Amino acid sequence: MGLFTRDIKTMNDLFVHQLQDIYYAEKQLVKALPKMADKATDKQLKDGFLTHLEETKTHVQRLEEVFRMHGAEIKAVDCPAIDGIIEEADEVAGEVAD
């Protein structure tokens, strides 16, 4: 088993862990998308980021509801994948003139 599976003993543990992972990713996007929209000079791209932001906020609300329905604590666990994607987006945005 891998590094992140030491606390995962049942399918329920796996389900809750995945919820926490997805929750973290969505919360990170809620922080990152406004910055991306601010950097965008193309109106269509800016609008796309802002639309995605509103959709992502809805995802966060739905995930919180799933946590409640499942009786699990609403909690995030680090998701290195989304951190890497956002970091790369920041780097690329810094390299592009417009």
PDB file of N, CA and C in Angstrom:
ATOM      1  N   MET A   1       0.830  -1.188   0.000  1.00  0.00           N
ATOM      2  CA  MET A   1       0.000   0.000   0.000  1.00  0.00           C
ATOM      3  C   MET A   1       0.868   1.242   0.000  1.00  0.00           C
ATOM      4  N   GLY A   2       0.298   2.349  -0.456  1.00  0.00           N
ATOM      5  CA  GLY A   2       1.050   3.581  -0.596  1.00  0.00           C
ATOM      6  C   GLY A   2       1.094   4.427   0.668  1.00  0.00           C
ATOM      7  N   LEU A   3       1.765   5.524   0.566  1.00  0.00           N
ATOM      8  CA  LEU A   3       1.981   6.450   1.668  1.00  0.00           C
ATOM      9  C   LEU A   3       0.679   6.972   2.263  1.00  0.00           C
ATOM     10  N   PHE A   4      -0.306   7.264   1.440  1.00  0.00           N
ATOM     11  CA  PHE A   4      -1.536   7.892   1.908  1.00  0.00           C
ATOM     12  C   PHE A   4      -2.593   6.904   2.376  1.00  0.00           C
ATOM     13  N   THR A   5      -2.295   5.617   2.358  1.00  0.00           N
ATOM     14  CA  THR A   5      -3.307   4.623   2.691  1.00  0.00           C
ATOM     15  C   THR A   5      -3.190   4.084   4.105  1.00  0.00           C
ATOM     16  N   ARG A   6      -2.262   4.586   4.898  1.00  0.00           N
ATOM     17  CA  ARG A   6      -2.073   4.019   6.244  1.00  0.00           C
ATOM     18  C   ARG A   6      -3.316   4.175   7.121  1.00  0.00           C
ATOM     19  N   ASP A   7      -4.103   5.232   6.936  1.00  0.00           N
ATOM     20  CA  ASP A   7      -5.316   5.436   7.726  1.00  0.00           C
ATOM     21  C   ASP A   7      -6.566   4.913   7.025  1.00  0.00           C
ATOM     22  N   ILE A   8      -6.409   4.347   5.868  1.00  0.00           N
ATOM     23  CA  ILE A   8      -7.544   3.849   5.094  1.00  0.00           C
ATOM     24  C   ILE A   8      -7.611   2.343   5.260  1.00  0.00           C
ATOM     25  N   LYS A   9      -8.605   1.903   6.027  1.00  0.00           N
ATOM     26  CA  LYS A   9      -8.741   0.470   6.314  1.00  0.00           C
ATOM     27  C   LYS A   9     -10.023  -0.117   5.706  1.00  0.00           C
ATOM     28  N   THR A  10     -10.990   0.746   5.460  1.00  0.00           N
ATOM     29  CA  THR A  10     -12.272   0.279   4.936  1.00  0.00           C
ATOM     30  C   THR A  10     -12.650   1.109   3.714  1.00  0.00           C
ATOM     31  N   MET A  11     -13.648   0.636   3.007  1.00  0.00           N
ATOM     32  CA  MET A  11     -14.153   1.401   1.856  1.00  0.00           C
ATOM     33  C   MET A  11     -14.731   2.735   2.330  1.00  0.00           C
ATOM     34  N   ASN A  12     -15.329   2.754   3.522  1.00  0.00           N
ATOM     35  CA  ASN A  12     -15.836   4.008   4.072  1.00  0.00           C
ATOM     36  C   ASN A  12     -14.692   4.997   4.292  1.00  0.00           C
ATOM     37  N   ASP A  13     -13.575   4.517   4.846  1.00  0.00           N
ATOM     38  CA  ASP A  13     -12.402   5.378   5.036  1.00  0.00           C
ATOM     39  C   ASP A  13     -11.934   5.950   3.700  1.00  0.00           C
ATOM     40  N   LEU A  14     -11.915   5.108   2.691  1.00  0.00           N
ATOM     41  CA  LEU A  14     -11.493   5.544   1.362  1.00  0.00           C
ATOM     42  C   LEU A  14     -12.452   6.604   0.812  1.00  0.00           C
ATOM     43  N   PHE A  15     -13.748   6.368   0.969  1.00  0.00           N
ATOM     44  CA  PHE A  15     -14.750   7.315   0.488  1.00  0.00           C
ATOM     45  C   PHE A  15     -14.566   8.676   1.150  1.00  0.00           C
ATOM     46  N   VAL A  16     -14.430   8.688   2.468  1.00  0.00           N
ATOM     47  CA  VAL A  16     -14.272   9.950   3.199  1.00  0.00           C
ATOM     48  C   VAL A  16     -12.962  10.623   2.804  1.00  0.00           C
ATOM     49  N   HIS A  17     -11.908   9.845   2.657  1.00  0.00           N
ATOM     50  CA  HIS A  17     -10.622  10.423   2.248  1.00  0.00           C
ATOM     51  C   HIS A  17     -10.732  11.077   0.877  1.00  0.00           C
ATOM     52  N   GLN A  18     -11.413  10.413  -0.034  1.00  0.00           N
ATOM     53  CA  GLN A  18     -11.586  10.978  -1.379  1.00  0.00           C
ATOM     54  C   GLN A  18     -12.420  12.262  -1.325  1.00  0.00           C
ATOM     55  N   LEU A  19     -13.445  12.271  -0.490  1.00  0.00           N
ATOM     56  CA  LEU A  19     -14.230  13.506  -0.309  1.00  0.00           C
ATOM     57  C   LEU A  19     -13.337  14.635   0.196  1.00  0.00           C
ATOM     58  N   GLN A  20     -12.500  14.327   1.167  1.00  0.00           N
ATOM     59  CA  GLN A  20     -11.606  15.338   1.743  1.00  0.00           C
ATOM     60  C   GLN A  20     -10.610  15.839   0.699  1.00  0.00           C
ATOM     61  N   ASP A  21     -10.119  14.956  -0.128  1.00  0.00           N
ATOM     62  CA  ASP A  21      -9.175  15.306  -1.187  1.00  0.00           C
ATOM     63  C   ASP A  21      -9.837  16.221  -2.217  1.00  0.00           C
ATOM     64  N   ILE A  22     -11.009  15.836  -2.649  1.00  0.00           N
ATOM     65  CA  ILE A  22     -11.748  16.640  -3.633  1.00  0.00           C
ATOM     66  C   ILE A  22     -12.130  17.991  -3.037  1.00  0.00           C
ATOM     67  N   TYR A  23     -12.530  17.983  -1.773  1.00  0.00           N
ATOM     68  CA  TYR A  23     -12.901  19.223  -1.083  1.00  0.00           C
ATOM     69  C   TYR A  23     -11.723  20.193  -1.058  1.00  0.00           C
ATOM     70  N   TYR A  24     -10.545  19.687  -0.744  1.00  0.00           N
ATOM     71  CA  TYR A  24      -9.343  20.513  -0.747  1.00  0.00           C
ATOM     72  C   TYR A  24      -9.122  21.115  -2.137  1.00  0.00           C
ATOM     73  N   ALA A  25      -9.211  20.277  -3.157  1.00  0.00           N
ATOM     74  CA  ALA A  25      -8.972  20.739  -4.527  1.00  0.00           C
ATOM     75  C   ALA A  25      -9.952  21.841  -4.911  1.00  0.00           C
ATOM     76  N   GLU A  26     -11.215  21.638  -4.605  1.00  0.00           N
ATOM     77  CA  GLU A  26     -12.224  22.642  -4.959  1.00  0.00           C
ATOM     78  C   GLU A  26     -11.999  23.948  -4.191  1.00  0.00           C
ATOM     79  N   LYS A  27     -11.638  23.851  -2.909  1.00  0.00           N
ATOM     80  CA  LYS A  27     -11.375  25.049  -2.112  1.00  0.00           C
ATOM     81  C   LYS A  27     -10.154  25.800  -2.662  1.00  0.00           C
ATOM     82  N   GLN A  28      -9.145  25.080  -3.120  1.00  0.00           N
ATOM     83  CA  GLN A  28      -7.970  25.727  -3.700  1.00  0.00           C
ATOM     84  C   GLN A  28      -8.342  26.443  -4.998  1.00  0.00           C
ATOM     85  N   LEU A  29      -9.215  25.840  -5.775  1.00  0.00           N
ATOM     86  CA  LEU A  29      -9.667  26.483  -7.015  1.00  0.00           C
ATOM     87  C   LEU A  29     -10.459  27.751  -6.725  1.00  0.00           C
ATOM     88  N   VAL A  30     -11.252  27.732  -5.660  1.00  0.00           N
ATOM     89  CA  VAL A  30     -12.013  28.938  -5.286  1.00  0.00           C
ATOM     90  C   VAL A  30     -11.045  30.092  -4.998  1.00  0.00           C
ATOM     91  N   LYS A  31      -9.877  29.785  -4.467  1.00  0.00           N
ATOM     92  CA  LYS A  31      -8.871  30.819  -4.207  1.00  0.00           C
ATOM     93  C   LYS A  31      -8.132  31.231  -5.486  1.00  0.00           C
ATOM     94  N   ALA A  32      -7.851  30.261  -6.351  1.00  0.00           N
ATOM     95  CA  ALA A  32      -7.004  30.506  -7.519  1.00  0.00           C
ATOM     96  C   ALA A  32      -7.738  31.148  -8.697  1.00  0.00           C
ATOM     97  N   LEU A  33      -8.994  30.781  -8.907  1.00  0.00           N
ATOM     98  CA  LEU A  33      -9.697  31.260 -10.097  1.00  0.00           C
ATOM     99  C   LEU A  33      -9.856  32.780 -10.154  1.00  0.00           C
ATOM    100  N   PRO A  34     -10.132  33.470  -9.046  1.00  0.00           N
ATOM    101  CA  PRO A  34     -10.203  34.931  -9.146  1.00  0.00           C
ATOM    102  C   PRO A  34      -8.868  35.552  -9.583  1.00  0.00           C
ATOM    103  N   LYS A  35      -7.766  34.986  -9.129  1.00  0.00           N
ATOM    104  CA  LYS A  35      -6.445  35.478  -9.534  1.00  0.00           C
ATOM    105  C   LYS A  35      -6.234  35.251 -11.023  1.00  0.00           C
ATOM    106  N   MET A  36      -6.664  34.089 -11.509  1.00  0.00           N
ATOM    107  CA  MET A  36      -6.536  33.792 -12.932  1.00  0.00           C
ATOM    108  C   MET A  36      -7.395  34.751 -13.748  1.00  0.00           C
ATOM    109  N   ALA A  37      -8.592  35.027 -13.268  1.00  0.00           N
ATOM    110  CA  ALA A  37      -9.478  35.953 -13.972  1.00  0.00           C
ATOM    111  C   ALA A  37      -8.873  37.355 -14.010  1.00  0.00           C
ATOM    112  N   ASP A  38      -8.255  37.763 -12.915  1.00  0.00           N
ATOM    113  CA  ASP A  38      -7.622  39.086 -12.875  1.00  0.00           C
ATOM    114  C   ASP A  38      -6.482  39.192 -13.883  1.00  0.00           C
ATOM    115  N   LYS A  39      -5.758  38.108 -14.089  1.00  0.00           N
ATOM    116  CA  LYS A  39      -4.625  38.119 -15.011  1.00  0.00           C
ATOM    117  C   LYS A  39      -5.062  38.049 -16.470  1.00  0.00           C
ATOM    118  N   ALA A  40      -6.265  37.550 -16.704  1.00  0.00           N
ATOM    119  CA  ALA A  40      -6.734  37.371 -18.086  1.00  0.00           C
ATOM    120  C   ALA A  40      -7.080  38.725 -18.710  1.00  0.00           C
ATOM    121  N   THR A  41      -6.569  38.952 -19.893  1.00  0.00           N
ATOM    122  CA  THR A  41      -6.897  40.192 -20.605  1.00  0.00           C
ATOM    123  C   THR A  41      -8.002  39.967 -21.637  1.00  0.00           C
ATOM    124  N   ASP A  42      -8.183  38.744 -22.061  1.00  0.00           N
ATOM    125  CA  ASP A  42      -9.241  38.413 -23.008  1.00  0.00           C
ATOM    126  C   ASP A  42     -10.561  38.278 -22.259  1.00  0.00           C
ATOM    127  N   LYS A  43     -11.587  39.002 -22.693  1.00  0.00           N
ATOM    128  CA  LYS A  43     -12.874  39.008 -21.998  1.00  0.00           C
ATOM    129  C   LYS A  43     -13.488  37.617 -21.914  1.00  0.00           C
ATOM    130  N   GLN A  44     -13.430  36.875 -23.000  1.00  0.00           N
ATOM    131  CA  GLN A  44     -14.025  35.534 -23.008  1.00  0.00           C
ATOM    132  C   GLN A  44     -13.310  34.609 -22.007  1.00  0.00           C
ATOM    133  N   LEU A  45     -11.991  34.718 -21.945  1.00  0.00           N
ATOM    134  CA  LEU A  45     -11.234  33.901 -20.995  1.00  0.00           C
ATOM    135  C   LEU A  45     -11.555  34.322 -19.561  1.00  0.00           C
ATOM    136  N   LYS A  46     -11.581  35.628 -19.313  1.00  0.00           N
ATOM    137  CA  LYS A  46     -11.919  36.138 -17.982  1.00  0.00           C
ATOM    138  C   LYS A  46     -13.306  35.649 -17.564  1.00  0.00           C
ATOM    139  N   ASP A  47     -14.272  35.762 -18.468  1.00  0.00           N
ATOM    140  CA  ASP A  47     -15.631  35.296 -18.173  1.00  0.00           C
ATOM    141  C   ASP A  47     -15.652  33.785 -17.910  1.00  0.00           C
ATOM    142  N   GLY A  48     -14.847  33.046 -18.647  1.00  0.00           N
ATOM    143  CA  GLY A  48     -14.763  31.601 -18.437  1.00  0.00           C
ATOM    144  C   GLY A  48     -14.243  31.261 -17.044  1.00  0.00           C
ATOM    145  N   PHE A  49     -13.208  31.969 -16.612  1.00  0.00           N
ATOM    146  CA  PHE A  49     -12.688  31.759 -15.257  1.00  0.00           C
ATOM    147  C   PHE A  49     -13.743  32.093 -14.211  1.00  0.00           C
ATOM    148  N   LEU A  50     -14.460  33.192 -14.412  1.00  0.00           N
ATOM    149  CA  LEU A  50     -15.466  33.610 -13.425  1.00  0.00           C
ATOM    150  C   LEU A  50     -16.650  32.652 -13.398  1.00  0.00           C
ATOM    151  N   THR A  51     -17.040  32.130 -14.558  1.00  0.00           N
ATOM    152  CA  THR A  51     -18.102  31.124 -14.609  1.00  0.00           C
ATOM    153  C   THR A  51     -17.657  29.860 -13.885  1.00  0.00           C
ATOM    154  N   HIS A  52     -16.422  29.449 -14.147  1.00  0.00           N
ATOM    155  CA  HIS A  52     -15.879  28.266 -13.484  1.00  0.00           C
ATOM    156  C   HIS A  52     -15.829  28.476 -11.973  1.00  0.00           C
ATOM    157  N   LEU A  53     -15.513  29.693 -11.542  1.00  0.00           N
ATOM    158  CA  LEU A  53     -15.481  30.000 -10.114  1.00  0.00           C
ATOM    159  C   LEU A  53     -16.851  29.771  -9.478  1.00  0.00           C
ATOM    160  N   GLU A  54     -17.892  30.266 -10.103  1.00  0.00           N
ATOM    161  CA  GLU A  54     -19.243  30.084  -9.551  1.00  0.00           C
ATOM    162  C   GLU A  54     -19.626  28.608  -9.524  1.00  0.00           C
ATOM    163  N   GLU A  55     -19.275  27.866 -10.569  1.00  0.00           N
ATOM    164  CA  GLU A  55     -19.553  26.432 -10.594  1.00  0.00           C
ATOM    165  C   GLU A  55     -18.787  25.715  -9.480  1.00  0.00           C
ATOM    166  N   THR A  56     -17.550  26.134  -9.258  1.00  0.00           N
ATOM    167  CA  THR A  56     -16.712  25.510  -8.238  1.00  0.00           C
ATOM    168  C   THR A  56     -17.254  25.796  -6.842  1.00  0.00           C
ATOM    169  N   LYS A  57     -17.767  26.992  -6.622  1.00  0.00           N
ATOM    170  CA  LYS A  57     -18.382  27.310  -5.330  1.00  0.00           C
ATOM    171  C   LYS A  57     -19.575  26.388  -5.074  1.00  0.00           C
ATOM    172  N   THR A  58     -20.319  26.083  -6.127  1.00  0.00           N
ATOM    173  CA  THR A  58     -21.439  25.147  -6.007  1.00  0.00           C
ATOM    174  C   THR A  58     -20.923  23.747  -5.674  1.00  0.00           C
ATOM    175  N   HIS A  59     -19.814  23.356  -6.278  1.00  0.00           N
ATOM    176  CA  HIS A  59     -19.221  22.046  -5.974  1.00  0.00           C
ATOM    177  C   HIS A  59     -18.856  21.964  -4.499  1.00  0.00           C
ATOM    178  N   VAL A  60     -18.279  23.035  -3.970  1.00  0.00           N
ATOM    179  CA  VAL A  60     -17.901  23.063  -2.553  1.00  0.00           C
ATOM    180  C   VAL A  60     -19.141  22.874  -1.680  1.00  0.00           C
ATOM    181  N   GLN A  61     -20.217  23.572  -1.998  1.00  0.00           N
ATOM    182  CA  GLN A  61     -21.453  23.443  -1.221  1.00  0.00           C
ATOM    183  C   GLN A  61     -21.994  22.017  -1.290  1.00  0.00           C
ATOM    184  N   ARG A  62     -21.947  21.419  -2.459  1.00  0.00           N
ATOM    185  CA  ARG A  62     -22.449  20.045  -2.622  1.00  0.00           C
ATOM    186  C   ARG A  62     -21.590  19.052  -1.842  1.00  0.00           C
ATOM    187  N   LEU A  63     -20.293  19.247  -1.879  1.00  0.00           N
ATOM    188  CA  LEU A  63     -19.410  18.366  -1.110  1.00  0.00           C
ATOM    189  C   LEU A  63     -19.689  18.490   0.381  1.00  0.00           C
ATOM    190  N   GLU A  64     -19.906  19.714   0.854  1.00  0.00           N
ATOM    191  CA  GLU A  64     -20.229  19.908   2.266  1.00  0.00           C
ATOM    192  C   GLU A  64     -21.526  19.193   2.637  1.00  0.00           C
ATOM    193  N   GLU A  65     -22.472  19.210   1.727  1.00  0.00           N
ATOM    194  CA  GLU A  65     -23.725  18.491   1.971  1.00  0.00           C
ATOM    195  C   GLU A  65     -23.494  16.980   2.019  1.00  0.00           C
ATOM    196  N   VAL A  66     -22.638  16.456   1.150  1.00  0.00           N
ATOM    197  CA  VAL A  66     -22.327  15.025   1.173  1.00  0.00           C
ATOM    198  C   VAL A  66     -21.652  14.651   2.493  1.00  0.00           C
ATOM    199  N   PHE A  67     -20.716  15.485   2.956  1.00  0.00           N
ATOM    200  CA  PHE A  67     -20.100  15.236   4.263  1.00  0.00           C
ATOM    201  C   PHE A  67     -21.183  15.125   5.337  1.00  0.00           C
ATOM    202  N   ARG A  68     -22.101  16.085   5.348  1.00  0.00           N
ATOM    203  CA  ARG A  68     -23.164  16.079   6.370  1.00  0.00           C
ATOM    204  C   ARG A  68     -24.051  14.843   6.242  1.00  0.00           C
ATOM    205  N   MET A  69     -24.441  14.510   5.023  1.00  0.00           N
ATOM    206  CA  MET A  69     -25.296  13.344   4.800  1.00  0.00           C
ATOM    207  C   MET A  69     -24.605  12.057   5.266  1.00  0.00           C
ATOM    208  N   HIS A  70     -23.307  12.020   5.108  1.00  0.00           N
ATOM    209  CA  HIS A  70     -22.543  10.828   5.461  1.00  0.00           C
ATOM    210  C   HIS A  70     -22.157  10.822   6.946  1.00  0.00           C
ATOM    211  N   GLY A  71     -22.369  11.937   7.618  1.00  0.00           N
ATOM    212  CA  GLY A  71     -22.013  12.023   9.028  1.00  0.00           C
ATOM    213  C   GLY A  71     -20.521  12.182   9.258  1.00  0.00           C
ATOM    214  N   ALA A  72     -19.828  12.708   8.264  1.00  0.00           N
ATOM    215  CA  ALA A  72     -18.373  12.883   8.354  1.00  0.00           C
ATOM    216  C   ALA A  72     -18.041  14.350   8.594  1.00  0.00           C
ATOM    217  N   GLU A  73     -16.912  14.567   9.261  1.00  0.00           N
ATOM    218  CA  GLU A  73     -16.437  15.925   9.500  1.00  0.00           C
ATOM    219  C   GLU A  73     -16.082  16.588   8.168  1.00  0.00           C
ATOM    220  N   ILE A  74     -16.504  17.831   8.003  1.00  0.00           N
ATOM    221  CA  ILE A  74     -16.151  18.590   6.798  1.00  0.00           C
ATOM    222  C   ILE A  74     -14.703  19.032   6.970  1.00  0.00           C
ATOM    223  N   LYS A  75     -13.829  18.374   6.229  1.00  0.00           N
ATOM    224  CA  LYS A  75     -12.396  18.587   6.409  1.00  0.00           C
ATOM    225  C   LYS A  75     -11.688  18.326   5.088  1.00  0.00           C
ATOM    226  N   ALA A  76     -10.638  19.079   4.846  1.00  0.00           N
ATOM    227  CA  ALA A  76      -9.842  18.890   3.635  1.00  0.00           C
ATOM    228  C   ALA A  76      -8.530  18.205   3.988  1.00  0.00           C
ATOM    229  N   VAL A  77      -8.024  17.402   3.055  1.00  0.00           N
ATOM    230  CA  VAL A  77      -6.670  16.864   3.168  1.00  0.00           C
ATOM    231  C   VAL A  77      -5.895  17.337   1.939  1.00  0.00           C
ATOM    232  N   ASP A  78      -4.625  17.595   2.132  1.00  0.00           N
ATOM    233  CA  ASP A  78      -3.802  18.108   1.033  1.00  0.00           C
ATOM    234  C   ASP A  78      -3.914  17.240  -0.207  1.00  0.00           C
ATOM    235  N   CYS A  79      -3.997  17.926  -1.330  1.00  0.00           N
ATOM    236  CA  CYS A  79      -4.043  17.252  -2.630  1.00  0.00           C
ATOM    237  C   CYS A  79      -2.899  17.815  -3.471  1.00  0.00           C
ATOM    238  N   PRO A  80      -1.762  17.128  -3.487  1.00  0.00           N
ATOM    239  CA  PRO A  80      -0.614  17.634  -4.237  1.00  0.00           C
ATOM    240  C   PRO A  80      -0.901  17.840  -5.726  1.00  0.00           C
ATOM    241  N   ALA A  81      -1.824  17.076  -6.266  1.00  0.00           N
ATOM    242  CA  ALA A  81      -2.133  17.198  -7.694  1.00  0.00           C
ATOM    243  C   ALA A  81      -2.670  18.591  -8.021  1.00  0.00           C
ATOM    244  N   ILE A  82      -3.656  19.068  -7.268  1.00  0.00           N
ATOM    245  CA  ILE A  82      -4.215  20.389  -7.570  1.00  0.00           C
ATOM    246  C   ILE A  82      -3.206  21.479  -7.249  1.00  0.00           C
ATOM    247  N   ASP A  83      -2.409  21.281  -6.205  1.00  0.00           N
ATOM    248  CA  ASP A  83      -1.367  22.264  -5.892  1.00  0.00           C
ATOM    249  C   ASP A  83      -0.410  22.410  -7.071  1.00  0.00           C
ATOM    250  N   GLY A  84      -0.035  21.302  -7.684  1.00  0.00           N
ATOM    251  CA  GLY A  84       0.858  21.330  -8.838  1.00  0.00           C
ATOM    252  C   GLY A  84       0.227  21.996 -10.047  1.00  0.00           C
ATOM    253  N   ILE A  85      -1.037  21.718 -10.273  1.00  0.00           N
ATOM    254  CA  ILE A  85      -1.739  22.317 -11.412  1.00  0.00           C
ATOM    255  C   ILE A  85      -1.819  23.831 -11.239  1.00  0.00           C
ATOM    256  N   ILE A  86      -2.167  24.282 -10.042  1.00  0.00           N
ATOM    257  CA  ILE A  86      -2.286  25.720  -9.793  1.00  0.00           C
ATOM    258  C   ILE A  86      -0.916  26.391  -9.875  1.00  0.00           C
ATOM    259  N   GLU A  87       0.101  25.738  -9.338  1.00  0.00           N
ATOM    260  CA  GLU A  87       1.457  26.295  -9.408  1.00  0.00           C
ATOM    261  C   GLU A  87       1.899  26.444 -10.860  1.00  0.00           C
ATOM    262  N   GLU A  88       1.625  25.430 -11.663  1.00  0.00           N
ATOM    263  CA  GLU A  88       1.994  25.490 -13.075  1.00  0.00           C
ATOM    264  C   GLU A  88       1.219  26.601 -13.787  1.00  0.00           C
ATOM    265  N   ALA A  89      -0.049  26.750 -13.478  1.00  0.00           N
ATOM    266  CA  ALA A  89      -0.849  27.819 -14.087  1.00  0.00           C
ATOM    267  C   ALA A  89      -0.273  29.179 -13.738  1.00  0.00           C
ATOM    268  N   ASP A  90       0.154  29.364 -12.500  1.00  0.00           N
ATOM    269  CA  ASP A  90       0.756  30.634 -12.078  1.00  0.00           C
ATOM    270  C   ASP A  90       2.047  30.897 -12.852  1.00  0.00           C
ATOM    271  N   GLU A  91       2.859  29.857 -13.026  1.00  0.00           N
ATOM    272  CA  GLU A  91       4.109  30.014 -13.759  1.00  0.00           C
ATOM    273  C   GLU A  91       3.858  30.377 -15.219  1.00  0.00           C
ATOM    274  N   VAL A  92       2.933  29.677 -15.839  1.00  0.00           N
ATOM    275  CA  VAL A  92       2.630  29.939 -17.243  1.00  0.00           C
ATOM    276  C   VAL A  92       2.048  31.343 -17.421  1.00  0.00           C
ATOM    277  N   ALA A  93       1.154  31.737 -16.504  1.00  0.00           N
ATOM    278  CA  ALA A  93       0.550  33.070 -16.589  1.00  0.00           C
ATOM    279  C   ALA A  93       1.622  34.151 -16.453  1.00  0.00           C
ATOM    280  N   GLY A  94       2.632  33.897 -15.663  1.00  0.00           N
ATOM    281  CA  GLY A  94       3.706  34.866 -15.497  1.00  0.00           C
ATOM    282  C   GLY A  94       4.579  35.002 -16.729  1.00  0.00           C
ATOM    283  N   GLU A  95       4.591  33.978 -17.585  1.00  0.00           N
ATOM    284  CA  GLU A  95       5.407  33.989 -18.781  1.00  0.00           C
ATOM    285  C   GLU A  95       4.698  34.582 -19.998  1.00  0.00           C
ATOM    286  N   VAL A  96       3.390  34.732 -19.925  1.00  0.00           N
ATOM    287  CA  VAL A  96       2.610  35.178 -21.073  1.00  0.00           C
ATOM    288  C   VAL A  96       2.346  36.673 -20.954  1.00  0.00           C
ATOM    289  N   ALA A  97       2.551  37.384 -22.052  1.00  0.00           N
ATOM    290  CA  ALA A  97       2.386  38.834 -22.034  1.00  0.00           C
ATOM    291  C   ALA A  97       0.928  39.248 -21.927  1.00  0.00           C
ATOM    292  N   ASP A  98       0.039  38.568 -22.647  1.00  0.00           N
ATOM    293  CA  ASP A  98      -1.398  38.920 -22.537  1.00  0.00           C
ATOM    294  C   ASP A  98      -2.263  37.708 -22.745  1.00  0.00           C
TER     295      ASP A  98
END
